[in-house]
Every structure is written in C-alpha cells, then in structure tokens.
C-alpha cells in the first residue's frame, strides 16, 4: 500500500530476494535513464538509483525495495536534499596513488540532480 511522505512524494515498498546487480545491469541501467546515487554503504545487498527525468528514486537494501515517485520538481529536489544529509558526501569513484611520491588523488562522480 503506497504512502505519502513529508515531502509529498509517494512511496511504494516491496520485498524481492535478489542482489543489487540485477538493478545495475537490468532494471536501473543508464540506457533506461537511471543514475546510480553513490553512498559509502554501497554493496551487493544495497544500492540507490535515481531517474532524474521521471523523478523516481529506487533503494534496494537486503531485499527491501523502496520506490519514491516525486510528482513535482520541488518534491524531487527535497528528496535529494534529505538523501544527501542522510548518506553524507559521496565516496570517491576511484583513487590513484602517485608512486613513489605517495600523493593520493580521489575522483568523484557527480550525484544526480
């Protein structure tokens, strides 16, 4: 049964025993308009994806699937703001080490807006 959250967005909850890679490679692909929302918690059992054009956010956590549909731009951006506060800054997409000098460079993917 859907619910409406404090930001006026509709939230659908379900359960499906799978792993995040089904979303990465089948359901929430870049070709379908989805973008991964990187967090420090990303693992085979957890992931977040955002569809900016449709204003939909999908979270997979240990089988729990939460889909948030945002009817307005304001609601969508409010949802992203809450997510940024909850998950904190994005982790580096990758890190390079300058050997032998020891310099470390972190590279970040921009989160969806």
PDB file of N, CA and C in Angstrom:
ATOM      1  N   UNK A   1       0.848  -1.180   0.000  1.00  0.00           N
ATOM      2  CA  UNK A   1       0.000   0.000   0.000  1.00  0.00           C
ATOM      3  C   UNK A   1       0.895   1.245   0.000  1.00  0.00           C
ATOM      4  N   UNK A   2       0.725   2.119  -0.975  1.00  0.00           N
ATOM      5  CA  UNK A   2       1.567   3.318  -1.038  1.00  0.00           C
ATOM      6  C   UNK A   2       1.280   4.285   0.105  1.00  0.00           C
ATOM      7  N   UNK A   3       2.291   5.072   0.425  1.00  0.00           N
ATOM      8  CA  UNK A   3       2.148   6.111   1.445  1.00  0.00           C
ATOM      9  C   UNK A   3       2.699   7.410   0.873  1.00  0.00           C
ATOM     10  N   UNK A   4       2.328   8.520   1.461  1.00  0.00           N
ATOM     11  CA  UNK A   4       2.849   9.822   1.047  1.00  0.00           C
ATOM     12  C   UNK A   4       3.749  10.326   2.169  1.00  0.00           C
ATOM     13  N   UNK A   5       4.996  10.667   1.824  1.00  0.00           N
ATOM     14  CA  UNK A   5       5.940  11.117   2.847  1.00  0.00           C
ATOM     15  C   UNK A   5       5.793  12.615   3.134  1.00  0.00           C
ATOM     16  N   UNK A   6       6.621  13.136   4.038  1.00  0.00           N
ATOM     17  CA  UNK A   6       6.539  14.540   4.465  1.00  0.00           C
ATOM     18  C   UNK A   6       6.780  15.525   3.332  1.00  0.00           C
ATOM     19  N   UNK A   7       7.441  15.069   2.279  1.00  0.00           N
ATOM     20  CA  UNK A   7       7.751  15.955   1.151  1.00  0.00           C
ATOM     21  C   UNK A   7       6.710  15.862   0.045  1.00  0.00           C
ATOM     22  N   UNK A   8       5.636  15.117   0.295  1.00  0.00           N
ATOM     23  CA  UNK A   8       4.552  14.995  -0.676  1.00  0.00           C
ATOM     24  C   UNK A   8       4.808  13.981  -1.772  1.00  0.00           C
ATOM     25  N   UNK A   9       5.797  13.118  -1.580  1.00  0.00           N
ATOM     26  CA  UNK A   9       6.141  12.108  -2.575  1.00  0.00           C
ATOM     27  C   UNK A   9       5.536  10.764  -2.194  1.00  0.00           C
ATOM     28  N   UNK A  10       5.155   9.988  -3.197  1.00  0.00           N
ATOM     29  CA  UNK A  10       4.523   8.695  -2.969  1.00  0.00           C
ATOM     30  C   UNK A  10       5.588   7.613  -2.855  1.00  0.00           C
ATOM     31  N   UNK A  11       5.486   6.813  -1.795  1.00  0.00           N
ATOM     32  CA  UNK A  11       6.477   5.777  -1.507  1.00  0.00           C
ATOM     33  C   UNK A  11       5.809   4.405  -1.602  1.00  0.00           C
ATOM     34  N   UNK A  12       6.415   3.526  -2.398  1.00  0.00           N
ATOM     35  CA  UNK A  12       5.956   2.150  -2.562  1.00  0.00           C
ATOM     36  C   UNK A  12       7.023   1.235  -1.972  1.00  0.00           C
ATOM     37  N   UNK A  13       6.580   0.255  -1.180  1.00  0.00           N
ATOM     38  CA  UNK A  13       7.532  -0.663  -0.548  1.00  0.00           C
ATOM     39  C   UNK A  13       7.199  -2.102  -0.951  1.00  0.00           C
ATOM     40  N   UNK A  14       8.248  -2.883  -1.188  1.00  0.00           N
ATOM     41  CA  UNK A  14       8.062  -4.295  -1.505  1.00  0.00           C
ATOM     42  C   UNK A  14       9.318  -5.055  -1.090  1.00  0.00           C
ATOM     43  N   UNK A  15       9.282  -6.352  -1.283  1.00  0.00           N
ATOM     44  CA  UNK A  15      10.438  -7.190  -0.964  1.00  0.00           C
ATOM     45  C   UNK A  15      10.678  -8.147  -2.116  1.00  0.00           C
ATOM     46  N   UNK A  16      11.937  -8.270  -2.510  1.00  0.00           N
ATOM     47  CA  UNK A  16      12.325  -9.246  -3.527  1.00  0.00           C
ATOM     48  C   UNK A  16      13.741  -9.701  -3.211  1.00  0.00           C
ATOM     49  N   UNK A  17      13.896 -10.976  -2.942  1.00  0.00           N
ATOM     50  CA  UNK A  17      15.210 -11.510  -2.589  1.00  0.00           C
ATOM     51  C   UNK A  17      16.072 -11.620  -3.845  1.00  0.00           C
ATOM     52  N   UNK A  18      16.988 -10.695  -3.981  1.00  0.00           N
ATOM     53  CA  UNK A  18      17.894 -10.654  -5.126  1.00  0.00           C
ATOM     54  C   UNK A  18      19.174  -9.968  -4.670  1.00  0.00           C
ATOM     55  N   UNK A  19      19.883  -9.355  -5.555  1.00  0.00           N
ATOM     56  CA  UNK A  19      21.062  -8.564  -5.212  1.00  0.00           C
ATOM     57  C   UNK A  19      21.062  -7.309  -6.066  1.00  0.00           C
ATOM     58  N   UNK A  20      21.846  -6.329  -5.683  1.00  0.00           N
ATOM     59  CA  UNK A  20      21.828  -5.030  -6.352  1.00  0.00           C
ATOM     60  C   UNK A  20      22.216  -5.106  -7.814  1.00  0.00           C
ATOM     61  N   UNK A  21      22.971  -6.130  -8.215  1.00  0.00           N
ATOM     62  CA  UNK A  21      23.459  -6.199  -9.590  1.00  0.00           C
ATOM     63  C   UNK A  21      22.329  -6.392 -10.596  1.00  0.00           C
ATOM     64  N   UNK A  22      21.219  -6.940 -10.157  1.00  0.00           N
ATOM     65  CA  UNK A  22      20.043  -7.032 -11.032  1.00  0.00           C
ATOM     66  C   UNK A  22      19.569  -5.628 -11.410  1.00  0.00           C
ATOM     67  N   UNK A  23      19.652  -4.701 -10.478  1.00  0.00           N
ATOM     68  CA  UNK A  23      19.267  -3.316 -10.751  1.00  0.00           C
ATOM     69  C   UNK A  23      20.325  -2.631 -11.611  1.00  0.00           C
ATOM     70  N   UNK A  24      21.595  -2.843 -11.265  1.00  0.00           N
ATOM     71  CA  UNK A  24      22.699  -2.232 -12.016  1.00  0.00           C
ATOM     72  C   UNK A  24      22.681  -2.611 -13.492  1.00  0.00           C
ATOM     73  N   UNK A  25      22.449  -3.893 -13.777  1.00  0.00           N
ATOM     74  CA  UNK A  25      22.643  -4.385 -15.139  1.00  0.00           C
ATOM     75  C   UNK A  25      21.360  -4.699 -15.903  1.00  0.00           C
ATOM     76  N   UNK A  26      20.193  -4.658 -15.233  1.00  0.00           N
ATOM     77  CA  UNK A  26      18.943  -4.959 -15.923  1.00  0.00           C
ATOM     78  C   UNK A  26      17.884  -3.876 -15.750  1.00  0.00           C
ATOM     79  N   UNK A  27      17.581  -3.533 -14.525  1.00  0.00           N
ATOM     80  CA  UNK A  27      16.409  -2.697 -14.252  1.00  0.00           C
ATOM     81  C   UNK A  27      16.695  -1.202 -14.231  1.00  0.00           C
ATOM     82  N   UNK A  28      17.813  -0.798 -13.682  1.00  0.00           N
ATOM     83  CA  UNK A  28      18.112   0.631 -13.496  1.00  0.00           C
ATOM     84  C   UNK A  28      19.355   1.028 -14.286  1.00  0.00           C
ATOM     85  N   UNK A  29      19.358   0.729 -15.551  1.00  0.00           N
ATOM     86  CA  UNK A  29      20.538   0.988 -16.377  1.00  0.00           C
ATOM     87  C   UNK A  29      20.579   2.436 -16.860  1.00  0.00           C
ATOM     88  N   UNK A  30      21.763   2.860 -17.219  1.00  0.00           N
ATOM     89  CA  UNK A  30      21.957   4.206 -17.761  1.00  0.00           C
ATOM     90  C   UNK A  30      21.148   4.389 -19.046  1.00  0.00           C
ATOM     91  N   UNK A  31      21.062   3.330 -19.847  1.00  0.00           N
ATOM     92  CA  UNK A  31      20.302   3.387 -21.097  1.00  0.00           C
ATOM     93  C   UNK A  31      18.818   3.646 -20.854  1.00  0.00           C
ATOM     94  N   UNK A  32      18.329   3.260 -19.697  1.00  0.00           N
ATOM     95  CA  UNK A  32      16.922   3.482 -19.346  1.00  0.00           C
ATOM     96  C   UNK A  32      16.714   4.800 -18.607  1.00  0.00           C
ATOM     97  N   UNK A  33      17.786   5.589 -18.461  1.00  0.00           N
ATOM     98  CA  UNK A  33      17.677   6.900 -17.831  1.00  0.00           C
ATOM     99  C   UNK A  33      18.023   6.949 -16.356  1.00  0.00           C
ATOM    100  N   UNK A  34      18.454   5.831 -15.780  1.00  0.00           N
ATOM    101  CA  UNK A  34      18.782   5.775 -14.360  1.00  0.00           C
ATOM    102  C   UNK A  34      20.229   6.182 -14.113  1.00  0.00           C
ATOM    103  N   UNK A  35      20.468   6.737 -12.923  1.00  0.00           N
ATOM    104  CA  UNK A  35      21.826   7.068 -12.472  1.00  0.00           C
ATOM    105  C   UNK A  35      22.008   6.482 -11.075  1.00  0.00           C
ATOM    106  N   UNK A  36      23.168   5.910 -10.847  1.00  0.00           N
ATOM    107  CA  UNK A  36      23.461   5.408  -9.514  1.00  0.00           C
ATOM    108  C   UNK A  36      23.717   6.582  -8.588  1.00  0.00           C
ATOM    109  N   UNK A  37      23.193   6.496  -7.376  1.00  0.00           N
ATOM    110  CA  UNK A  37      23.418   7.504  -6.344  1.00  0.00           C
ATOM    111  C   UNK A  37      24.426   6.892  -5.378  1.00  0.00           C
ATOM    112  N   UNK A  38      25.681   7.271  -5.522  1.00  0.00           N
ATOM    113  CA  UNK A  38      26.751   6.647  -4.744  1.00  0.00           C
ATOM    114  C   UNK A  38      26.669   7.000  -3.262  1.00  0.00           C
ATOM    115  N   UNK A  39      26.858   5.972  -2.426  1.00  0.00           N
ATOM    116  CA  UNK A  39      26.938   6.157  -0.980  1.00  0.00           C
ATOM    117  C   UNK A  39      28.109   5.329  -0.461  1.00  0.00           C
ATOM    118  N   UNK A  40      28.504   5.585   0.764  1.00  0.00           N
ATOM    119  CA  UNK A  40      29.574   4.791   1.369  1.00  0.00           C
ATOM    120  C   UNK A  40      29.075   3.406   1.767  1.00  0.00           C
ATOM    121  N   UNK A  41      27.766   3.181   1.679  1.00  0.00           N
ATOM    122  CA  UNK A  41      27.178   1.905   2.078  1.00  0.00           C
ATOM    123  C   UNK A  41      26.973   0.953   0.907  1.00  0.00           C
ATOM    124  N   UNK A  42      27.290   1.372  -0.322  1.00  0.00           N
ATOM    125  CA  UNK A  42      27.045   0.540  -1.494  1.00  0.00           C
ATOM    126  C   UNK A  42      27.713  -0.827  -1.346  1.00  0.00           C
ATOM    127  N   UNK A  43      26.941  -1.876  -1.624  1.00  0.00           N
ATOM    128  CA  UNK A  43      27.426  -3.254  -1.525  1.00  0.00           C
ATOM    129  C   UNK A  43      26.505  -4.130  -2.369  1.00  0.00           C
ATOM    130  N   UNK A  44      26.779  -5.418  -2.447  1.00  0.00           N
ATOM    131  CA  UNK A  44      25.941  -6.304  -3.251  1.00  0.00           C
ATOM    132  C   UNK A  44      24.506  -6.343  -2.728  1.00  0.00           C
ATOM    133  N   UNK A  45      24.310  -5.993  -1.462  1.00  0.00           N
ATOM    134  CA  UNK A  45      22.987  -6.032  -0.846  1.00  0.00           C
ATOM    135  C   UNK A  45      22.355  -4.646  -0.685  1.00  0.00           C
ATOM    136  N   UNK A  46      23.006  -3.591  -1.200  1.00  0.00           N
ATOM    137  CA  UNK A  46      22.470  -2.235  -1.026  1.00  0.00           C
ATOM    138  C   UNK A  46      22.854  -1.344  -2.203  1.00  0.00           C
ATOM    139  N   UNK A  47      21.892  -0.544  -2.645  1.00  0.00           N
ATOM    140  CA  UNK A  47      22.168   0.443  -3.684  1.00  0.00           C
ATOM    141  C   UNK A  47      21.011   1.413  -3.834  1.00  0.00           C
ATOM    142  N   UNK A  48      21.313   2.579  -4.395  1.00  0.00           N
ATOM    143  CA  UNK A  48      20.307   3.618  -4.634  1.00  0.00           C
ATOM    144  C   UNK A  48      20.467   4.093  -6.072  1.00  0.00           C
ATOM    145  N   UNK A  49      19.341   4.236  -6.767  1.00  0.00           N
ATOM    146  CA  UNK A  49      19.340   4.723  -8.144  1.00  0.00           C
ATOM    147  C   UNK A  49      18.307   5.828  -8.282  1.00  0.00           C
ATOM    148  N   UNK A  50      18.591   6.758  -9.184  1.00  0.00           N
ATOM    149  CA  UNK A  50      17.721   7.921  -9.393  1.00  0.00           C
ATOM    150  C   UNK A  50      17.424   8.033 -10.885  1.00  0.00           C
ATOM    151  N   UNK A  51      16.170   8.306 -11.208  1.00  0.00           N
ATOM    152  CA  UNK A  51      15.781   8.585 -12.600  1.00  0.00           C
ATOM    153  C   UNK A  51      15.362  10.058 -12.645  1.00  0.00           C
ATOM    154  N   UNK A  52      16.291  10.960 -13.002  1.00  0.00           N
ATOM    155  CA  UNK A  52      16.001  12.400 -12.955  1.00  0.00           C
ATOM    156  C   UNK A  52      14.823  12.841 -13.827  1.00  0.00           C
ATOM    157  N   UNK A  53      14.679  12.273 -15.009  1.00  0.00           N
ATOM    158  CA  UNK A  53      13.591  12.699 -15.898  1.00  0.00           C
ATOM    159  C   UNK A  53      12.225  12.297 -15.361  1.00  0.00           C
ATOM    160  N   UNK A  54      12.132  11.091 -14.811  1.00  0.00           N
ATOM    161  CA  UNK A  54      10.853  10.614 -14.268  1.00  0.00           C
ATOM    162  C   UNK A  54      10.664  11.008 -12.806  1.00  0.00           C
ATOM    163  N   UNK A  55      11.721  11.548 -12.183  1.00  0.00           N
ATOM    164  CA  UNK A  55      11.697  11.941 -10.768  1.00  0.00           C
ATOM    165  C   UNK A  55      11.326  10.746  -9.874  1.00  0.00           C
ATOM    166  N   UNK A  56      12.050   9.642 -10.087  1.00  0.00           N
ATOM    167  CA  UNK A  56      11.838   8.415  -9.322  1.00  0.00           C
ATOM    168  C   UNK A  56      13.153   8.019  -8.655  1.00  0.00           C
ATOM    169  N   UNK A  57      13.057   7.563  -7.419  1.00  0.00           N
ATOM    170  CA  UNK A  57      14.223   7.109  -6.658  1.00  0.00           C
ATOM    171  C   UNK A  57      13.947   5.681  -6.203  1.00  0.00           C
ATOM    172  N   UNK A  58      14.900   4.795  -6.424  1.00  0.00           N
ATOM    173  CA  UNK A  58      14.753   3.403  -6.025  1.00  0.00           C
ATOM    174  C   UNK A  58      15.888   3.041  -5.076  1.00  0.00           C
ATOM    175  N   UNK A  59      15.528   2.440  -3.956  1.00  0.00           N
ATOM    176  CA  UNK A  59      16.514   1.965  -2.989  1.00  0.00           C
ATOM    177  C   UNK A  59      16.330   0.465  -2.805  1.00  0.00           C
ATOM    178  N   UNK A  60      17.426  -0.264  -2.879  1.00  0.00           N
ATOM    179  CA  UNK A  60      17.420  -1.702  -2.615  1.00  0.00           C
ATOM    180  C   UNK A  60      18.301  -1.946  -1.395  1.00  0.00           C
ATOM    181  N   UNK A  61      17.745  -2.567  -0.357  1.00  0.00           N
ATOM    182  CA  UNK A  61      18.502  -2.852   0.864  1.00  0.00           C
ATOM    183  C   UNK A  61      18.118  -4.229   1.383  1.00  0.00           C
ATOM    184  N   UNK A  62      18.987  -5.200   1.143  1.00  0.00           N
ATOM    185  CA  UNK A  62      18.809  -6.557   1.659  1.00  0.00           C
ATOM    186  C   UNK A  62      17.447  -7.138   1.305  1.00  0.00           C
ATOM    187  N   UNK A  63      16.978  -6.891   0.093  1.00  0.00           N
ATOM    188  CA  UNK A  63      15.698  -7.421  -0.359  1.00  0.00           C
ATOM    189  C   UNK A  63      14.555  -6.428  -0.277  1.00  0.00           C
ATOM    190  N   UNK A  64      14.679  -5.433   0.587  1.00  0.00           N
ATOM    191  CA  UNK A  64      13.648  -4.397   0.674  1.00  0.00           C
ATOM    192  C   UNK A  64      13.817  -3.423  -0.484  1.00  0.00           C
ATOM    193  N   UNK A  65      12.743  -3.198  -1.214  1.00  0.00           N
ATOM    194  CA  UNK A  65      12.758  -2.272  -2.337  1.00  0.00           C
ATOM    195  C   UNK A  65      11.829  -1.115  -2.002  1.00  0.00           C
ATOM    196  N   UNK A  66      12.358   0.093  -2.081  1.00  0.00           N
ATOM    197  CA  UNK A  66      11.568   1.299  -1.851  1.00  0.00           C
ATOM    198  C   UNK A  66      11.641   2.145  -3.107  1.00  0.00           C
ATOM    199  N   UNK A  67      10.478   2.448  -3.660  1.00  0.00           N
ATOM    200  CA  UNK A  67      10.396   3.305  -4.841  1.00  0.00           C
ATOM    201  C   UNK A  67       9.671   4.577  -4.430  1.00  0.00           C
ATOM    202  N   UNK A  68      10.320   5.711  -4.635  1.00  0.00           N
ATOM    203  CA  UNK A  68       9.740   7.010  -4.307  1.00  0.00           C
ATOM    204  C   UNK A  68       9.477   7.759  -5.598  1.00  0.00           C
ATOM    205  N   UNK A  69       8.209   8.084  -5.831  1.00  0.00           N
ATOM    206  CA  UNK A  69       7.817   8.836  -7.026  1.00  0.00           C
ATOM    207  C   UNK A  69       7.495  10.266  -6.609  1.00  0.00           C
ATOM    208  N   UNK A  70       8.166  11.203  -7.262  1.00  0.00           N
ATOM    209  CA  UNK A  70       8.039  12.617  -6.913  1.00  0.00           C
ATOM    210  C   UNK A  70       7.222  13.328  -7.993  1.00  0.00           C
ATOM    211  N   UNK A  71       6.017  13.802  -7.674  1.00  0.00           N
ATOM    212  CA  UNK A  71       5.163  14.411  -8.689  1.00  0.00           C
ATOM    213  C   UNK A  71       5.629  15.790  -9.154  1.00  0.00           C
ATOM    214  N   UNK A  72       6.471  16.452  -8.343  1.00  0.00           N
ATOM    215  CA  UNK A  72       6.919  17.801  -8.706  1.00  0.00           C
ATOM    216  C   UNK A  72       8.439  17.896  -8.621  1.00  0.00           C
ATOM    217  N   UNK A  73       8.994  18.891  -9.296  1.00  0.00           N
ATOM    218  CA  UNK A  73      10.437  19.161  -9.206  1.00  0.00           C
ATOM    219  C   UNK A  73      10.825  19.491  -7.771  1.00  0.00           C
ATOM    220  N   UNK A  74       9.976  20.263  -7.092  1.00  0.00           N
ATOM    221  CA  UNK A  74      10.266  20.656  -5.712  1.00  0.00           C
ATOM    222  C   UNK A  74      10.353  19.431  -4.809  1.00  0.00           C
ATOM    223  N   UNK A  75       9.402  18.511  -4.966  1.00  0.00           N
ATOM    224  CA  UNK A  75       9.415  17.292  -4.166  1.00  0.00           C
ATOM    225  C   UNK A  75      10.629  16.431  -4.458  1.00  0.00           C
ATOM    226  N   UNK A  76      11.003  16.364  -5.726  1.00  0.00           N
ATOM    227  CA  UNK A  76      12.174  15.591  -6.147  1.00  0.00           C
ATOM    228  C   UNK A  76      13.452  16.163  -5.533  1.00  0.00           C
ATOM    229  N   UNK A  77      13.620  17.471  -5.625  1.00  0.00           N
ATOM    230  CA  UNK A  77      14.828  18.096  -5.072  1.00  0.00           C
ATOM    231  C   UNK A  77      14.844  18.039  -3.544  1.00  0.00           C
ATOM    232  N   UNK A  78      13.668  18.096  -2.924  1.00  0.00           N
ATOM    233  CA  UNK A  78      13.600  17.938  -1.468  1.00  0.00           C
ATOM    234  C   UNK A  78      14.045  16.531  -1.074  1.00  0.00           C
ATOM    235  N   UNK A  79      13.650  15.546  -1.868  1.00  0.00           N
ATOM    236  CA  UNK A  79      14.051  14.156  -1.603  1.00  0.00           C
ATOM    237  C   UNK A  79      15.570  14.003  -1.732  1.00  0.00           C
ATOM    238  N   UNK A  80      16.148  14.584  -2.778  1.00  0.00           N
ATOM    239  CA  UNK A  80      17.603  14.516  -2.962  1.00  0.00           C
ATOM    240  C   UNK A  80      18.344  15.211  -1.819  1.00  0.00           C
ATOM    241  N   UNK A  81      17.782  16.295  -1.328  1.00  0.00           N
ATOM    242  CA  UNK A  81      18.405  17.019  -0.212  1.00  0.00           C
ATOM    243  C   UNK A  81      18.424  16.159   1.050  1.00  0.00           C
ATOM    244  N   UNK A  82      17.307  15.491   1.334  1.00  0.00           N
ATOM    245  CA  UNK A  82      17.240  14.611   2.501  1.00  0.00           C
ATOM    246  C   UNK A  82      18.224  13.449   2.340  1.00  0.00           C
ATOM    247  N   UNK A  83      18.311  12.915   1.125  1.00  0.00           N
ATOM    248  CA  UNK A  83      19.245  11.817   0.863  1.00  0.00           C
ATOM    249  C   UNK A  83      20.690  12.255   1.085  1.00  0.00           C
ATOM    250  N   UNK A  84      21.037  13.445   0.621  1.00  0.00           N
ATOM    251  CA  UNK A  84      22.408  13.942   0.782  1.00  0.00           C
ATOM    252  C   UNK A  84      22.757  14.090   2.263  1.00  0.00           C
ATOM    253  N   UNK A  85      21.808  14.558   3.063  1.00  0.00           N
ATOM    254  CA  UNK A  85      22.046  14.685   4.505  1.00  0.00           C
ATOM    255  C   UNK A  85      22.174  13.312   5.159  1.00  0.00           C
ATOM    256  N   UNK A  86      21.309  12.384   4.752  1.00  0.00           N
ATOM    257  CA  UNK A  86      21.297  11.050   5.354  1.00  0.00           C
ATOM    258  C   UNK A  86      22.550  10.252   4.991  1.00  0.00           C
ATOM    259  N   UNK A  87      22.905  10.219   3.714  1.00  0.00           N
ATOM    260  CA  UNK A  87      24.035   9.408   3.248  1.00  0.00           C
ATOM    261  C   UNK A  87      25.383  10.110   3.369  1.00  0.00           C
ATOM    262  N   UNK A  88      25.377  11.428   3.527  1.00  0.00           N
ATOM    263  CA  UNK A  88      26.630  12.165   3.629  1.00  0.00           C
ATOM    264  C   UNK A  88      27.278  12.353   2.272  1.00  0.00           C
ATOM    265  N   UNK A  89      28.510  12.852   2.264  1.00  0.00           N
ATOM    266  CA  UNK A  89      29.182  13.101   0.986  1.00  0.00           C
ATOM    267  C   UNK A  89      29.408  11.801   0.216  1.00  0.00           C
ATOM    268  N   UNK A  90      29.450  11.893  -1.103  1.00  0.00           N
ATOM    269  CA  UNK A  90      29.676  10.674  -1.890  1.00  0.00           C
ATOM    270  C   UNK A  90      31.095  10.150  -1.695  1.00  0.00           C
ATOM    271  N   UNK A  91      31.252   8.843  -1.802  1.00  0.00           N
ATOM    272  CA  UNK A  91      32.598   8.277  -1.718  1.00  0.00           C
ATOM    273  C   UNK A  91      33.329   8.499  -3.040  1.00  0.00           C
ATOM    274  N   UNK A  92      34.644   8.395  -3.037  1.00  0.00           N
ATOM    275  CA  UNK A  92      35.353   8.514  -4.314  1.00  0.00           C
ATOM    276  C   UNK A  92      34.978   7.359  -5.246  1.00  0.00           C
ATOM    277  N   UNK A  93      34.847   7.672  -6.530  1.00  0.00           N
ATOM    278  CA  UNK A  93      34.591   6.626  -7.520  1.00  0.00           C
ATOM    279  C   UNK A  93      35.828   5.748  -7.669  1.00  0.00           C
ATOM    280  N   UNK A  94      36.993   6.385  -7.613  1.00  0.00           N
ATOM    281  CA  UNK A  94      38.250   5.650  -7.574  1.00  0.00           C
ATOM    282  C   UNK A  94      39.351   6.557  -7.045  1.00  0.00           C
ATOM    283  N   UNK A  95      40.460   5.946  -6.665  1.00  0.00           N
ATOM    284  CA  UNK A  95      41.594   6.657  -6.067  1.00  0.00           C
ATOM    285  C   UNK A  95      42.864   6.244  -6.809  1.00  0.00           C
ATOM    286  N   UNK A  96      43.722   7.221  -7.077  1.00  0.00           N
ATOM    287  CA  UNK A  96      45.033   6.894  -7.651  1.00  0.00           C
ATOM    288  C   UNK A  96      46.120   7.292  -6.658  1.00  0.00           C
ATOM    289  N   UNK A  97      47.199   6.540  -6.687  1.00  0.00           N
ATOM    290  CA  UNK A  97      48.342   6.813  -5.816  1.00  0.00           C
ATOM    291  C   UNK A  97      49.547   7.086  -6.700  1.00  0.00           C
ATOM    292  N   UNK A  98      50.175   8.213  -6.458  1.00  0.00           N
ATOM    293  CA  UNK A  98      51.363   8.603  -7.220  1.00  0.00           C
ATOM    294  C   UNK A  98      52.582   7.942  -6.589  1.00  0.00           C
ATOM    295  N   UNK A  99      52.960   6.833  -7.173  1.00  0.00           N
ATOM    296  CA  UNK A  99      54.140   6.129  -6.667  1.00  0.00           C
ATOM    297  C   UNK A  99      55.354   6.644  -7.420  1.00  0.00           C
ATOM    298  N   UNK A 100      56.432   6.994  -6.830  1.00  0.00           N
ATOM    299  CA  UNK A 100      56.856   6.750  -5.456  1.00  0.00           C
ATOM    300  C   UNK A 100      56.624   7.943  -4.539  1.00  0.00           C
ATOM    301  N   UNK A 101      56.012   9.016  -5.042  1.00  0.00           N
ATOM    302  CA  UNK A 101      55.854  10.234  -4.227  1.00  0.00           C
ATOM    303  C   UNK A 101      54.804  10.093  -3.133  1.00  0.00           C
ATOM    304  N   UNK A 102      53.867   9.166  -3.295  1.00  0.00           N
ATOM    305  CA  UNK A 102      52.873   8.927  -2.260  1.00  0.00           C
ATOM    306  C   UNK A 102      51.666   9.838  -2.305  1.00  0.00           C
ATOM    307  N   UNK A 103      51.570  10.680  -3.330  1.00  0.00           N
ATOM    308  CA  UNK A 103      50.394  11.537  -3.443  1.00  0.00           C
ATOM    309  C   UNK A 103      49.148  10.725  -3.760  1.00  0.00           C
ATOM    310  N   UNK A 104      48.042  11.088  -3.161  1.00  0.00           N
ATOM    311  CA  UNK A 104      46.774  10.392  -3.375  1.00  0.00           C
ATOM    312  C   UNK A 104      45.795  11.363  -4.014  1.00  0.00           C
ATOM    313  N   UNK A 105      45.166  10.913  -5.091  1.00  0.00           N
ATOM    314  CA  UNK A 105      44.140  11.715  -5.758  1.00  0.00           C
ATOM    315  C   UNK A 105      42.836  10.936  -5.745  1.00  0.00           C
ATOM    316  N   UNK A 106      41.759  11.581  -5.282  1.00  0.00           N
ATOM    317  CA  UNK A 106      40.437  10.953  -5.250  1.00  0.00           C
ATOM    318  C   UNK A 106      39.583  11.560  -6.356  1.00  0.00           C
ATOM    319  N   UNK A 107      38.869  10.702  -7.076  1.00  0.00           N
ATOM    320  CA  UNK A 107      37.991  11.128  -8.163  1.00  0.00           C
ATOM    321  C   UNK A 107      36.547  10.815  -7.781  1.00  0.00           C
ATOM    322  N   UNK A 108      35.667  11.776  -8.008  1.00  0.00           N
ATOM    323  CA  UNK A 108      34.274  11.636  -7.608  1.00  0.00           C
ATOM    324  C   UNK A 108      33.354  11.745  -8.818  1.00  0.00           C
ATOM    325  N   UNK A 109      32.291  10.934  -8.816  1.00  0.00           N
ATOM    326  CA  UNK A 109      31.213  11.094  -9.784  1.00  0.00           C
ATOM    327  C   UNK A 109      30.223  12.085  -9.197  1.00  0.00           C
ATOM    328  N   UNK A 110      29.712  12.964 -10.024  1.00  0.00           N
ATOM    329  CA  UNK A 110      28.706  13.915  -9.560  1.00  0.00           C
ATOM    330  C   UNK A 110      27.395  13.163  -9.328  1.00  0.00           C
ATOM    331  N   UNK A 111      26.771  13.439  -8.209  1.00  0.00           N
ATOM    332  CA  UNK A 111      25.487  12.807  -7.916  1.00  0.00           C
ATOM    333  C   UNK A 111      24.400  13.378  -8.819  1.00  0.00           C
ATOM    334  N   UNK A 112      23.356  12.588  -9.073  1.00  0.00           N
ATOM    335  CA  UNK A 112      22.255  13.082  -9.911  1.00  0.00           C
ATOM    336  C   UNK A 112      21.573  14.293  -9.290  1.00  0.00           C
ATOM    337  N   UNK A 113      21.105  15.176 -10.147  1.00  0.00           N
ATOM    338  CA  UNK A 113      20.345  16.348  -9.685  1.00  0.00           C
ATOM    339  C   UNK A 113      18.990  16.386 -10.341  1.00  0.00           C
TER     340      UNK A 113
END
